[in-house]
Amino acid sequence: ETPKIFDSELRFCEILWEHQPVKSSELVRLCAEKLGGESTTYTVIKRLTERGVVKTEDAVVTALVSRGEVQCAESRAFVERNFRG
């Protein structure tokens, strides 16, 4: 099952998917440019790592969940919510 990714995290993931694999310091810089908040980026990386969405190895961040997997999960959730399956 694809972990739930919230809207603010999704914007982060979009940047990651576009640039991965990417050093965490570079990812922080990219997110600060596009989203603002350097310390917030480290928090998001930690939170998504704990939930199995990304992995960090030797300061390099990589997504464990693809854009397609997230889109499919969101579509399923939308149908469940709005059309009762």
N, C-alpha and C. Protein backbone atom coordinates (compact mmCIF):
# COMPACT_ATOMS: atom_id res chain seq x y z
N GLU A 1 0.84 -1.19 0.00
CA GLU A 1 0.00 0.00 0.00
C GLU A 1 0.89 1.25 0.00
N THR A 2 0.53 2.20 -0.83
CA THR A 2 1.27 3.45 -0.94
C THR A 2 0.98 4.33 0.27
N PRO A 3 2.03 4.82 0.93
CA PRO A 3 1.80 5.69 2.09
C PRO A 3 1.09 6.98 1.66
N LYS A 4 0.29 7.52 2.57
CA LYS A 4 -0.40 8.78 2.32
C LYS A 4 0.62 9.90 2.26
N ILE A 5 0.53 10.73 1.23
CA ILE A 5 1.39 11.89 1.10
C ILE A 5 0.49 13.12 1.07
N PHE A 6 0.70 14.01 2.02
CA PHE A 6 -0.13 15.21 2.13
C PHE A 6 0.31 16.25 1.11
N ASP A 7 -0.56 17.24 0.86
CA ASP A 7 -0.32 18.23 -0.19
C ASP A 7 1.04 18.92 -0.06
N SER A 8 1.38 19.36 1.13
CA SER A 8 2.67 20.05 1.32
C SER A 8 3.83 19.10 1.02
N GLU A 9 3.68 17.84 1.38
CA GLU A 9 4.71 16.84 1.10
C GLU A 9 4.78 16.52 -0.38
N LEU A 10 3.65 16.59 -1.04
CA LEU A 10 3.62 16.30 -2.47
C LEU A 10 4.43 17.32 -3.25
N ARG A 11 4.37 18.58 -2.87
CA ARG A 11 5.18 19.61 -3.55
C ARG A 11 6.67 19.29 -3.36
N PHE A 12 7.04 18.83 -2.19
CA PHE A 12 8.41 18.41 -1.92
C PHE A 12 8.78 17.22 -2.81
N CYS A 13 7.88 16.24 -2.88
CA CYS A 13 8.14 15.03 -3.68
C CYS A 13 8.31 15.37 -5.16
N GLU A 14 7.54 16.32 -5.65
CA GLU A 14 7.66 16.73 -7.06
C GLU A 14 9.09 17.21 -7.34
N ILE A 15 9.64 17.99 -6.42
CA ILE A 15 11.01 18.47 -6.59
C ILE A 15 11.99 17.30 -6.54
N LEU A 16 11.77 16.40 -5.59
CA LEU A 16 12.64 15.23 -5.46
C LEU A 16 12.58 14.37 -6.72
N TRP A 17 11.38 14.04 -7.20
CA TRP A 17 11.25 13.20 -8.39
C TRP A 17 11.98 13.81 -9.60
N GLU A 18 11.94 15.12 -9.69
CA GLU A 18 12.57 15.81 -10.81
C GLU A 18 14.10 15.76 -10.75
N HIS A 19 14.66 15.69 -9.53
CA HIS A 19 16.12 15.82 -9.39
C HIS A 19 16.81 14.59 -8.79
N GLN A 20 16.09 13.55 -8.46
CA GLN A 20 16.69 12.42 -7.75
C GLN A 20 17.63 11.60 -8.62
N PRO A 21 18.58 10.92 -8.01
CA PRO A 21 18.98 11.05 -6.61
C PRO A 21 19.66 12.40 -6.41
N VAL A 22 19.48 12.97 -5.23
CA VAL A 22 19.99 14.32 -4.97
C VAL A 22 20.53 14.41 -3.54
N LYS A 23 21.65 15.09 -3.38
CA LYS A 23 22.20 15.29 -2.04
C LYS A 23 21.19 16.10 -1.22
N SER A 24 21.08 15.77 0.05
CA SER A 24 20.10 16.44 0.90
C SER A 24 20.33 17.95 0.94
N SER A 25 21.59 18.39 0.94
CA SER A 25 21.87 19.83 0.96
C SER A 25 21.36 20.52 -0.31
N GLU A 26 21.50 19.84 -1.45
CA GLU A 26 21.00 20.39 -2.72
C GLU A 26 19.47 20.40 -2.72
N LEU A 27 18.87 19.35 -2.17
CA LEU A 27 17.41 19.28 -2.09
C LEU A 27 16.88 20.40 -1.20
N VAL A 28 17.57 20.67 -0.11
CA VAL A 28 17.17 21.77 0.78
C VAL A 28 17.23 23.09 0.02
N ARG A 29 18.30 23.29 -0.76
CA ARG A 29 18.45 24.53 -1.53
C ARG A 29 17.32 24.66 -2.55
N LEU A 30 17.03 23.58 -3.28
CA LEU A 30 15.96 23.59 -4.28
C LEU A 30 14.61 23.89 -3.64
N CYS A 31 14.33 23.25 -2.52
CA CYS A 31 13.05 23.46 -1.84
C CYS A 31 12.96 24.87 -1.28
N ALA A 32 14.07 25.40 -0.77
CA ALA A 32 14.06 26.77 -0.25
C ALA A 32 13.72 27.75 -1.37
N GLU A 33 14.28 27.51 -2.57
CA GLU A 33 13.99 28.37 -3.72
C GLU A 33 12.53 28.30 -4.13
N LYS A 34 12.00 27.08 -4.17
CA LYS A 34 10.65 26.88 -4.71
C LYS A 34 9.56 26.92 -3.65
N LEU A 35 9.88 26.51 -2.42
CA LEU A 35 8.85 26.40 -1.39
C LEU A 35 9.10 27.29 -0.18
N GLY A 36 10.35 27.64 0.07
CA GLY A 36 10.70 28.40 1.26
C GLY A 36 10.88 27.48 2.45
N GLY A 37 11.71 27.88 3.40
CA GLY A 37 11.84 27.14 4.65
C GLY A 37 12.84 26.02 4.65
N GLU A 38 14.10 26.33 4.93
CA GLU A 38 15.16 25.33 4.94
C GLU A 38 14.96 24.28 6.03
N SER A 39 14.67 24.70 7.26
CA SER A 39 14.51 23.74 8.35
C SER A 39 13.30 22.85 8.12
N THR A 40 12.29 23.38 7.47
CA THR A 40 11.09 22.61 7.15
C THR A 40 11.44 21.44 6.22
N THR A 41 12.35 21.67 5.29
CA THR A 41 12.74 20.62 4.35
C THR A 41 13.36 19.43 5.07
N TYR A 42 14.25 19.70 6.03
CA TYR A 42 14.84 18.60 6.79
C TYR A 42 13.77 17.85 7.58
N THR A 43 12.78 18.55 8.09
CA THR A 43 11.68 17.92 8.81
C THR A 43 10.88 17.02 7.88
N VAL A 44 10.59 17.50 6.67
CA VAL A 44 9.83 16.70 5.69
C VAL A 44 10.63 15.47 5.29
N ILE A 45 11.93 15.61 5.05
CA ILE A 45 12.77 14.46 4.72
C ILE A 45 12.68 13.42 5.83
N LYS A 46 12.81 13.86 7.07
CA LYS A 46 12.75 12.93 8.21
C LYS A 46 11.39 12.25 8.29
N ARG A 47 10.32 13.02 8.17
CA ARG A 47 8.97 12.46 8.26
C ARG A 47 8.71 11.45 7.15
N LEU A 48 9.10 11.79 5.92
CA LEU A 48 8.86 10.88 4.79
C LEU A 48 9.76 9.65 4.86
N THR A 49 10.94 9.79 5.44
CA THR A 49 11.82 8.63 5.64
C THR A 49 11.18 7.66 6.63
N GLU A 50 10.64 8.21 7.71
CA GLU A 50 9.99 7.37 8.73
C GLU A 50 8.79 6.63 8.16
N ARG A 51 8.10 7.23 7.19
CA ARG A 51 6.91 6.60 6.60
C ARG A 51 7.24 5.75 5.38
N GLY A 52 8.51 5.64 5.00
CA GLY A 52 8.90 4.78 3.90
C GLY A 52 8.65 5.37 2.52
N VAL A 53 8.56 6.69 2.43
CA VAL A 53 8.33 7.36 1.15
C VAL A 53 9.66 7.66 0.46
N VAL A 54 10.66 8.03 1.26
CA VAL A 54 12.00 8.31 0.72
C VAL A 54 13.03 7.59 1.57
N LYS A 55 14.25 7.49 1.02
CA LYS A 55 15.36 6.98 1.81
C LYS A 55 16.52 7.95 1.66
N THR A 56 17.32 8.02 2.71
CA THR A 56 18.52 8.86 2.70
C THR A 56 19.70 7.95 3.01
N GLU A 57 20.64 7.94 2.10
CA GLU A 57 21.83 7.11 2.26
C GLU A 57 23.04 7.94 1.88
N ASP A 58 23.98 8.08 2.79
CA ASP A 58 25.17 8.91 2.55
C ASP A 58 24.78 10.32 2.10
N ALA A 59 23.76 10.88 2.74
CA ALA A 59 23.26 12.24 2.47
C ALA A 59 22.66 12.40 1.09
N VAL A 60 22.29 11.29 0.44
CA VAL A 60 21.63 11.33 -0.86
C VAL A 60 20.19 10.84 -0.67
N VAL A 61 19.24 11.65 -1.13
CA VAL A 61 17.82 11.35 -0.95
C VAL A 61 17.26 10.77 -2.25
N THR A 62 16.51 9.68 -2.11
CA THR A 62 15.88 9.01 -3.24
C THR A 62 14.45 8.63 -2.84
N ALA A 63 13.53 8.76 -3.77
CA ALA A 63 12.15 8.37 -3.51
C ALA A 63 12.01 6.86 -3.57
N LEU A 64 11.26 6.31 -2.64
CA LEU A 64 10.92 4.89 -2.66
C LEU A 64 9.54 4.67 -3.28
N VAL A 65 8.81 5.76 -3.46
CA VAL A 65 7.47 5.73 -4.04
C VAL A 65 7.50 6.61 -5.28
N SER A 66 7.00 6.09 -6.39
CA SER A 66 7.04 6.85 -7.64
C SER A 66 5.86 7.80 -7.75
N ARG A 67 5.99 8.76 -8.64
CA ARG A 67 4.90 9.70 -8.93
C ARG A 67 3.66 8.92 -9.35
N GLY A 68 3.81 7.93 -10.19
CA GLY A 68 2.69 7.12 -10.67
C GLY A 68 1.97 6.39 -9.54
N GLU A 69 2.74 5.85 -8.60
CA GLU A 69 2.13 5.16 -7.45
C GLU A 69 1.30 6.13 -6.62
N VAL A 70 1.81 7.33 -6.42
CA VAL A 70 1.09 8.33 -5.63
C VAL A 70 -0.17 8.76 -6.36
N GLN A 71 -0.08 8.99 -7.67
CA GLN A 71 -1.25 9.40 -8.44
C GLN A 71 -2.32 8.31 -8.43
N CYS A 72 -1.92 7.08 -8.54
CA CYS A 72 -2.87 5.96 -8.50
C CYS A 72 -3.56 5.88 -7.13
N ALA A 73 -2.79 6.01 -6.07
CA ALA A 73 -3.35 5.96 -4.72
C ALA A 73 -4.32 7.12 -4.49
N GLU A 74 -3.96 8.31 -4.98
CA GLU A 74 -4.84 9.47 -4.83
C GLU A 74 -6.13 9.27 -5.62
N SER A 75 -6.03 8.69 -6.79
CA SER A 75 -7.23 8.43 -7.61
C SER A 75 -8.15 7.44 -6.90
N ARG A 76 -7.57 6.38 -6.34
CA ARG A 76 -8.37 5.40 -5.60
C ARG A 76 -9.05 6.05 -4.41
N ALA A 77 -8.31 6.88 -3.67
CA ALA A 77 -8.88 7.55 -2.50
C ALA A 77 -10.00 8.50 -2.91
N PHE A 78 -9.84 9.20 -4.01
CA PHE A 78 -10.86 10.11 -4.51
C PHE A 78 -12.15 9.35 -4.85
N VAL A 79 -12.01 8.23 -5.54
CA VAL A 79 -13.17 7.43 -5.91
C VAL A 79 -13.86 6.90 -4.65
N GLU A 80 -13.08 6.39 -3.71
CA GLU A 80 -13.65 5.89 -2.46
C GLU A 80 -14.41 6.98 -1.72
N ARG A 81 -13.81 8.15 -1.62
CA ARG A 81 -14.40 9.25 -0.89
C ARG A 81 -15.66 9.78 -1.54
N ASN A 82 -15.65 9.92 -2.86
CA ASN A 82 -16.73 10.60 -3.56
C ASN A 82 -17.77 9.67 -4.17
N PHE A 83 -17.41 8.44 -4.43
CA PHE A 83 -18.35 7.53 -5.10
C PHE A 83 -18.54 6.22 -4.35
N ARG A 84 -18.05 6.17 -3.11
CA ARG A 84 -18.16 4.98 -2.29
C ARG A 84 -17.64 3.73 -3.00
N GLY A 85 -16.50 3.88 -3.64
CA GLY A 85 -15.84 2.76 -4.29
C GLY A 85 -16.33 2.53 -5.67
